[in-house]
Amino acid sequence: MGRHAAERRQDLVSLYREAQGCTRCPLHATRTQVVFGSGNADADLMLVGEAPGFNEDAQGVPFVGRAGKLLEELLVDNGLRRSDVFITNVLKSRPPANRDPQPSEIDACRPYLDRQVELIEPRVICTLGNFATKLLSASPRGITQVHGEPQHREIGSREVVLYPLFHPAAALRTPRVKEQLAQDFARLPGLLAEGAAVPVQTASAVEQLGLLD
């Protein structure tokens, strides 16, 4: 029987505070602040990107630049709001000059992501781009091969539907990718309605994690 949402929310806040002081990798010396994640602490849908960029590092919230605006538009187009979902990244600290995450940095941050999944209990996780997709699918297949293909995976001791999508930043650069992203996004309401994942733990209450907005 699942834990009450209020208990999971309290543990998520504790995890957030732990992450704020994290020094597990050298990125702690160059970041402005930790970008833990934001949104609904009891969301059915979690979206996982790569790493914070300049705007995210400044504001402490993921996906607040142009890519974030596109992401919000796609959510609205499919009957969802940003406040309905939980958004985070593989890395919680910005890599210098927005370079690619390094394996040691991914390894250092992975426990935070797994714990977020355990506490939020999503049914569907959208991976945005190559890094999140390869990490959470535990496969070398890139996003161009697997986008729009639901996968059943166990993440953070929880069975979920993993749904790889192109990163919104890539969609902004390439019209064809933007069109494909919109098409793949249109399948999300159906995936959420199916309830295909069988959770290890379940909860009925819905709460917003105010500290992470």
C-alpha atoms as a PDB file:
ATOM      1  CA  MET A   1       0.000   0.000   0.000  1.00  0.00           C
ATOM      2  CA  GLY A   2       1.424   3.360  -1.041  1.00  0.00           C
ATOM      3  CA  ARG A   3       2.463   6.142   1.288  1.00  0.00           C
ATOM      4  CA  HIS A   4       0.268   9.173   1.613  1.00  0.00           C
ATOM      5  CA  ALA A   5       1.133  12.038  -0.728  1.00  0.00           C
ATOM      6  CA  ALA A   6       1.830  14.382   2.186  1.00  0.00           C
ATOM      7  CA  GLU A   7       4.554  12.061   3.490  1.00  0.00           C
ATOM      8  CA  ARG A   8       6.149  11.749   0.064  1.00  0.00           C
ATOM      9  CA  ARG A   9       5.980  15.521  -0.357  1.00  0.00           C
ATOM     10  CA  GLN A  10       7.813  16.034   2.935  1.00  0.00           C
ATOM     11  CA  ASP A  11      10.533  13.623   1.853  1.00  0.00           C
ATOM     12  CA  LEU A  12      10.794  15.384  -1.501  1.00  0.00           C
ATOM     13  CA  VAL A  13      11.341  18.702   0.238  1.00  0.00           C
ATOM     14  CA  SER A  14      14.059  17.069   2.352  1.00  0.00           C
ATOM     15  CA  LEU A  15      15.675  15.738  -0.825  1.00  0.00           C
ATOM     16  CA  TYR A  16      15.502  19.228  -2.336  1.00  0.00           C
ATOM     17  CA  ARG A  17      17.307  20.679   0.676  1.00  0.00           C
ATOM     18  CA  GLU A  18      19.931  17.959   0.505  1.00  0.00           C
ATOM     19  CA  ALA A  19      20.518  18.686  -3.173  1.00  0.00           C
ATOM     20  CA  GLN A  20      20.939  22.397  -2.475  1.00  0.00           C
ATOM     21  CA  GLY A  21      24.136  21.655  -0.579  1.00  0.00           C
ATOM     22  CA  CYS A  22      25.382  18.855  -2.824  1.00  0.00           C
ATOM     23  CA  THR A  23      29.113  18.702  -3.547  1.00  0.00           C
ATOM     24  CA  ARG A  24      29.211  15.266  -5.173  1.00  0.00           C
ATOM     25  CA  CYS A  25      30.768  16.602  -8.379  1.00  0.00           C
ATOM     26  CA  PRO A  26      32.861  19.652  -9.369  1.00  0.00           C
ATOM     27  CA  LEU A  27      29.821  21.442 -10.816  1.00  0.00           C
ATOM     28  CA  HIS A  28      28.969  22.701  -7.345  1.00  0.00           C
ATOM     29  CA  ALA A  29      31.853  25.151  -7.655  1.00  0.00           C
ATOM     30  CA  THR A  30      30.597  26.784 -10.862  1.00  0.00           C
ATOM     31  CA  ARG A  31      26.807  26.738 -10.532  1.00  0.00           C
ATOM     32  CA  THR A  32      24.766  29.697  -9.309  1.00  0.00           C
ATOM     33  CA  GLN A  33      22.261  27.398  -7.640  1.00  0.00           C
ATOM     34  CA  VAL A  34      20.882  23.874  -7.784  1.00  0.00           C
ATOM     35  CA  VAL A  35      18.005  23.361 -10.219  1.00  0.00           C
ATOM     36  CA  PHE A  36      16.156  20.533  -8.497  1.00  0.00           C
ATOM     37  CA  GLY A  37      12.883  20.497 -10.419  1.00  0.00           C
ATOM     38  CA  SER A  38       9.425  22.059 -10.270  1.00  0.00           C
ATOM     39  CA  GLY A  39       5.754  21.184 -10.540  1.00  0.00           C
ATOM     40  CA  ASN A  40       3.269  18.747  -9.135  1.00  0.00           C
ATOM     41  CA  ALA A  41       4.758  16.567  -6.392  1.00  0.00           C
ATOM     42  CA  ASP A  42       2.196  13.848  -7.142  1.00  0.00           C
ATOM     43  CA  ALA A  43       2.246  14.065 -10.947  1.00  0.00           C
ATOM     44  CA  ASP A  44       1.336  11.203 -13.267  1.00  0.00           C
ATOM     45  CA  LEU A  45       3.746  12.657 -15.818  1.00  0.00           C
ATOM     46  CA  MET A  46       7.404  13.542 -15.267  1.00  0.00           C
ATOM     47  CA  LEU A  47       9.588  15.161 -17.908  1.00  0.00           C
ATOM     48  CA  VAL A  48      13.364  14.738 -17.672  1.00  0.00           C
ATOM     49  CA  GLY A  49      15.750  16.910 -19.656  1.00  0.00           C
ATOM     50  CA  GLU A  50      19.523  17.045 -19.842  1.00  0.00           C
ATOM     51  CA  ALA A  51      20.874  19.823 -17.622  1.00  0.00           C
ATOM     52  CA  PRO A  52      20.127  23.409 -16.568  1.00  0.00           C
ATOM     53  CA  GLY A  53      21.170  26.200 -18.920  1.00  0.00           C
ATOM     54  CA  PHE A  54      21.977  29.842 -18.258  1.00  0.00           C
ATOM     55  CA  ASN A  55      18.404  30.934 -17.474  1.00  0.00           C
ATOM     56  CA  GLU A  56      17.706  27.881 -15.348  1.00  0.00           C
ATOM     57  CA  ASP A  57      20.890  28.365 -13.358  1.00  0.00           C
ATOM     58  CA  ALA A  58      19.931  31.996 -12.732  1.00  0.00           C
ATOM     59  CA  GLN A  59      16.321  31.299 -11.708  1.00  0.00           C
ATOM     60  CA  GLY A  60      16.640  27.874 -10.105  1.00  0.00           C
ATOM     61  CA  VAL A  61      13.781  26.467 -12.227  1.00  0.00           C
ATOM     62  CA  PRO A  62      14.108  24.031 -15.161  1.00  0.00           C
ATOM     63  CA  PHE A  63      13.005  24.915 -18.688  1.00  0.00           C
ATOM     64  CA  VAL A  64      12.405  28.652 -18.319  1.00  0.00           C
ATOM     65  CA  GLY A  65      13.997  29.803 -21.592  1.00  0.00           C
ATOM     66  CA  ARG A  66      12.800  29.421 -25.186  1.00  0.00           C
ATOM     67  CA  ALA A  67      12.837  25.637 -24.942  1.00  0.00           C
ATOM     68  CA  GLY A  68      10.705  25.862 -21.811  1.00  0.00           C
ATOM     69  CA  LYS A  69       8.186  28.084 -23.565  1.00  0.00           C
ATOM     70  CA  LEU A  70       7.851  25.545 -26.367  1.00  0.00           C
ATOM     71  CA  LEU A  71       7.466  22.748 -23.822  1.00  0.00           C
ATOM     72  CA  GLU A  72       4.649  24.624 -22.093  1.00  0.00           C
ATOM     73  CA  GLU A  73       2.932  25.239 -25.449  1.00  0.00           C
ATOM     74  CA  LEU A  74       3.072  21.535 -26.259  1.00  0.00           C
ATOM     75  CA  LEU A  75       1.603  20.661 -22.872  1.00  0.00           C
ATOM     76  CA  VAL A  76      -1.267  23.122 -23.337  1.00  0.00           C
ATOM     77  CA  ASP A  77      -1.929  21.876 -26.872  1.00  0.00           C
ATOM     78  CA  ASN A  78      -2.510  18.423 -25.390  1.00  0.00           C
ATOM     79  CA  GLY A  79      -4.738  19.400 -22.477  1.00  0.00           C
ATOM     80  CA  LEU A  80      -2.008  19.672 -19.833  1.00  0.00           C
ATOM     81  CA  ARG A  81      -0.524  22.510 -17.827  1.00  0.00           C
ATOM     82  CA  ARG A  82       2.952  22.912 -16.437  1.00  0.00           C
ATOM     83  CA  SER A  83       1.445  22.734 -12.949  1.00  0.00           C
ATOM     84  CA  ASP A  84       0.051  19.264 -13.782  1.00  0.00           C
ATOM     85  CA  VAL A  85       3.470  17.703 -14.349  1.00  0.00           C
ATOM     86  CA  PHE A  86       6.886  17.552 -12.700  1.00  0.00           C
ATOM     87  CA  ILE A  87       9.879  18.772 -14.710  1.00  0.00           C
ATOM     88  CA  THR A  88      13.504  18.069 -13.871  1.00  0.00           C
ATOM     89  CA  ASN A  89      16.862  17.268 -15.481  1.00  0.00           C
ATOM     90  CA  VAL A  90      19.455  14.511 -15.336  1.00  0.00           C
ATOM     91  CA  LEU A  91      21.912  17.050 -13.878  1.00  0.00           C
ATOM     92  CA  LYS A  92      20.817  19.446 -11.155  1.00  0.00           C
ATOM     93  CA  SER A  93      23.732  21.848 -11.769  1.00  0.00           C
ATOM     94  CA  ARG A  94      24.619  23.716 -14.945  1.00  0.00           C
ATOM     95  CA  PRO A  95      27.725  22.498 -16.794  1.00  0.00           C
ATOM     96  CA  PRO A  96      30.055  25.388 -17.706  1.00  0.00           C
ATOM     97  CA  ALA A  97      29.186  26.970 -21.080  1.00  0.00           C
ATOM     98  CA  ASN A  98      26.310  24.460 -21.365  1.00  0.00           C
ATOM     99  CA  ARG A  99      28.699  21.676 -22.394  1.00  0.00           C
ATOM    100  CA  ASP A 100      27.514  18.060 -22.446  1.00  0.00           C
ATOM    101  CA  PRO A 101      27.202  16.287 -19.099  1.00  0.00           C
ATOM    102  CA  GLN A 102      30.154  14.079 -18.200  1.00  0.00           C
ATOM    103  CA  PRO A 103      29.665  10.462 -17.066  1.00  0.00           C
ATOM    104  CA  SER A 104      30.944  11.195 -13.555  1.00  0.00           C
ATOM    105  CA  GLU A 105      28.478  14.080 -13.214  1.00  0.00           C
ATOM    106  CA  ILE A 106      25.594  11.902 -14.390  1.00  0.00           C
ATOM    107  CA  ASP A 107      26.580   9.201 -11.897  1.00  0.00           C
ATOM    108  CA  ALA A 108      26.730  11.755  -9.088  1.00  0.00           C
ATOM    109  CA  CYS A 109      23.256  13.110  -9.837  1.00  0.00           C
ATOM    110  CA  ARG A 110      21.528   9.810 -10.664  1.00  0.00           C
ATOM    111  CA  PRO A 111      20.498   9.046  -7.040  1.00  0.00           C
ATOM    112  CA  TYR A 112      18.559  12.332  -6.884  1.00  0.00           C
ATOM    113  CA  LEU A 113      16.637  11.479 -10.049  1.00  0.00           C
ATOM    114  CA  ASP A 114      15.845   7.939  -8.902  1.00  0.00           C
ATOM    115  CA  ARG A 115      14.622   9.260  -5.565  1.00  0.00           C
ATOM    116  CA  GLN A 116      12.468  11.873  -7.284  1.00  0.00           C
ATOM    117  CA  VAL A 117      10.784   9.097  -9.264  1.00  0.00           C
ATOM    118  CA  GLU A 118      10.212   7.056  -6.099  1.00  0.00           C
ATOM    119  CA  LEU A 119       8.655   9.986  -4.243  1.00  0.00           C
ATOM    120  CA  ILE A 120       6.569  11.550  -7.021  1.00  0.00           C
ATOM    121  CA  GLU A 121       5.335   8.198  -8.359  1.00  0.00           C
ATOM    122  CA  PRO A 122       4.749   9.122 -12.010  1.00  0.00           C
ATOM    123  CA  ARG A 123       3.149   6.643 -14.377  1.00  0.00           C
ATOM    124  CA  VAL A 124       4.798   8.077 -17.491  1.00  0.00           C
ATOM    125  CA  ILE A 125       8.277   9.596 -17.768  1.00  0.00           C
ATOM    126  CA  CYS A 126       9.165  11.570 -20.887  1.00  0.00           C
ATOM    127  CA  THR A 127      12.874  11.742 -21.573  1.00  0.00           C
ATOM    128  CA  LEU A 128      13.795  14.850 -23.541  1.00  0.00           C
ATOM    129  CA  GLY A 129      16.785  14.265 -25.776  1.00  0.00           C
ATOM    130  CA  ASN A 130      19.688  11.834 -25.931  1.00  0.00           C
ATOM    131  CA  PHE A 131      21.224  12.021 -22.470  1.00  0.00           C
ATOM    132  CA  ALA A 132      18.033  11.420 -20.502  1.00  0.00           C
ATOM    133  CA  THR A 133      16.857   8.769 -22.950  1.00  0.00           C
ATOM    134  CA  LYS A 134      20.055   6.723 -22.929  1.00  0.00           C
ATOM    135  CA  LEU A 135      20.382   6.983 -19.156  1.00  0.00           C
ATOM    136  CA  LEU A 136      16.849   5.963 -18.214  1.00  0.00           C
ATOM    137  CA  SER A 137      16.384   3.385 -20.968  1.00  0.00           C
ATOM    138  CA  ALA A 138      19.798   1.858 -20.164  1.00  0.00           C
ATOM    139  CA  SER A 139      20.330   1.565 -23.903  1.00  0.00           C
ATOM    140  CA  PRO A 140      22.820   3.125 -26.343  1.00  0.00           C
ATOM    141  CA  ARG A 141      20.059   3.747 -28.891  1.00  0.00           C
ATOM    142  CA  GLY A 142      19.746   7.450 -29.582  1.00  0.00           C
ATOM    143  CA  ILE A 143      16.676   9.642 -29.622  1.00  0.00           C
ATOM    144  CA  THR A 144      16.355   9.592 -33.411  1.00  0.00           C
ATOM    145  CA  GLN A 145      15.865   5.818 -33.238  1.00  0.00           C
ATOM    146  CA  VAL A 146      13.494   5.573 -30.295  1.00  0.00           C
ATOM    147  CA  HIS A 147      11.474   8.814 -30.153  1.00  0.00           C
ATOM    148  CA  GLY A 148       7.758   8.242 -29.833  1.00  0.00           C
ATOM    149  CA  GLU A 149       8.177   4.584 -28.802  1.00  0.00           C
ATOM    150  CA  PRO A 150       6.821   3.806 -25.304  1.00  0.00           C
ATOM    151  CA  GLN A 151       9.018   1.499 -23.246  1.00  0.00           C
ATOM    152  CA  HIS A 152       8.379  -0.278 -19.959  1.00  0.00           C
ATOM    153  CA  ARG A 153      11.220   0.307 -17.538  1.00  0.00           C
ATOM    154  CA  GLU A 154      11.939   0.129 -13.798  1.00  0.00           C
ATOM    155  CA  ILE A 155      13.336   3.426 -12.553  1.00  0.00           C
ATOM    156  CA  GLY A 156      13.863   4.271  -8.926  1.00  0.00           C
ATOM    157  CA  SER A 157      12.252   0.959  -7.879  1.00  0.00           C
ATOM    158  CA  ARG A 158       9.138   1.894  -9.833  1.00  0.00           C
ATOM    159  CA  GLU A 159       7.713   0.474 -13.043  1.00  0.00           C
ATOM    160  CA  VAL A 160       6.910   3.237 -15.494  1.00  0.00           C
ATOM    161  CA  VAL A 161       6.209   3.880 -19.134  1.00  0.00           C
ATOM    162  CA  LEU A 162       9.277   5.616 -20.535  1.00  0.00           C
ATOM    163  CA  TYR A 163       8.411   7.801 -23.507  1.00  0.00           C
ATOM    164  CA  PRO A 164      11.407   9.320 -25.355  1.00  0.00           C
ATOM    165  CA  LEU A 165      10.924  12.691 -27.054  1.00  0.00           C
ATOM    166  CA  PHE A 166      13.173  15.075 -28.931  1.00  0.00           C
ATOM    167  CA  HIS A 167      14.500  17.886 -26.754  1.00  0.00           C
ATOM    168  CA  PRO A 168      12.569  21.147 -27.292  1.00  0.00           C
ATOM    169  CA  ALA A 169      15.888  22.953 -27.880  1.00  0.00           C
ATOM    170  CA  ALA A 170      16.546  20.684 -30.872  1.00  0.00           C
ATOM    171  CA  ALA A 171      13.030  21.375 -32.127  1.00  0.00           C
ATOM    172  CA  LEU A 172      13.715  25.103 -32.051  1.00  0.00           C
ATOM    173  CA  ARG A 173      16.710  24.596 -34.324  1.00  0.00           C
ATOM    174  CA  THR A 174      15.082  22.266 -36.856  1.00  0.00           C
ATOM    175  CA  PRO A 175      11.484  22.619 -38.163  1.00  0.00           C
ATOM    176  CA  ARG A 176      11.286  18.917 -39.054  1.00  0.00           C
ATOM    177  CA  VAL A 177      12.207  17.940 -35.493  1.00  0.00           C
ATOM    178  CA  LYS A 178       9.645  20.387 -34.118  1.00  0.00           C
ATOM    179  CA  GLU A 179       6.943  18.793 -36.270  1.00  0.00           C
ATOM    180  CA  GLN A 180       7.931  15.303 -35.095  1.00  0.00           C
ATOM    181  CA  LEU A 181       8.003  16.430 -31.466  1.00  0.00           C
ATOM    182  CA  ALA A 182       4.461  17.771 -31.775  1.00  0.00           C
ATOM    183  CA  GLN A 183       3.298  14.492 -33.305  1.00  0.00           C
ATOM    184  CA  ASP A 184       4.918  12.421 -30.559  1.00  0.00           C
ATOM    185  CA  PHE A 185       3.574  14.757 -27.867  1.00  0.00           C
ATOM    186  CA  ALA A 186       0.037  14.217 -29.173  1.00  0.00           C
ATOM    187  CA  ARG A 187       0.225  10.589 -27.990  1.00  0.00           C
ATOM    188  CA  LEU A 188       0.822  11.576 -24.379  1.00  0.00           C
ATOM    189  CA  PRO A 189      -2.839  11.946 -23.321  1.00  0.00           C
ATOM    190  CA  GLY A 190      -3.502   8.425 -24.552  1.00  0.00           C
ATOM    191  CA  LEU A 191      -0.523   6.996 -22.676  1.00  0.00           C
ATOM    192  CA  LEU A 192      -1.633   8.688 -19.477  1.00  0.00           C
ATOM    193  CA  ALA A 193      -5.193   7.443 -19.928  1.00  0.00           C
ATOM    194  CA  GLU A 194      -4.081   3.864 -20.472  1.00  0.00           C
ATOM    195  CA  GLY A 195      -2.453   3.608 -17.052  1.00  0.00           C
ATOM    196  CA  ALA A 196      -0.153   1.019 -18.566  1.00  0.00           C
ATOM    197  CA  ALA A 197       2.417   1.115 -15.783  1.00  0.00           C
ATOM    198  CA  VAL A 198       1.938  -0.970 -12.669  1.00  0.00           C
ATOM    199  CA  PRO A 199       3.361   1.098  -9.794  1.00  0.00           C
ATOM    200  CA  VAL A 200       5.256  -0.423  -6.919  1.00  0.00           C
ATOM    201  CA  GLN A 201       3.458   2.088  -4.715  1.00  0.00           C
ATOM    202  CA  THR A 202       0.267   4.036  -5.365  1.00  0.00           C
ATOM    203  CA  ALA A 203      -1.293   7.157  -3.897  1.00  0.00           C
ATOM    204  CA  SER A 204      -4.561   8.966  -4.488  1.00  0.00           C
ATOM    205  CA  ALA A 205      -3.971  12.448  -3.092  1.00  0.00           C
ATOM    206  CA  VAL A 206      -2.638  15.252  -5.295  1.00  0.00           C
ATOM    207  CA  GLU A 207      -0.468  17.980  -3.780  1.00  0.00           C
ATOM    208  CA  GLN A 208       1.627  20.768  -5.189  1.00  0.00           C
ATOM    209  CA  LEU A 209       5.207  21.028  -3.984  1.00  0.00           C
ATOM    210  CA  GLY A 210       5.107  24.754  -3.284  1.00  0.00           C
ATOM    211  CA  LEU A 211       8.792  25.050  -2.462  1.00  0.00           C
ATOM    212  CA  LEU A 212       9.701  23.831  -5.925  1.00  0.00           C
ATOM    213  CA  ASP A 213       7.518  26.136  -8.004  1.00  0.00           C
END
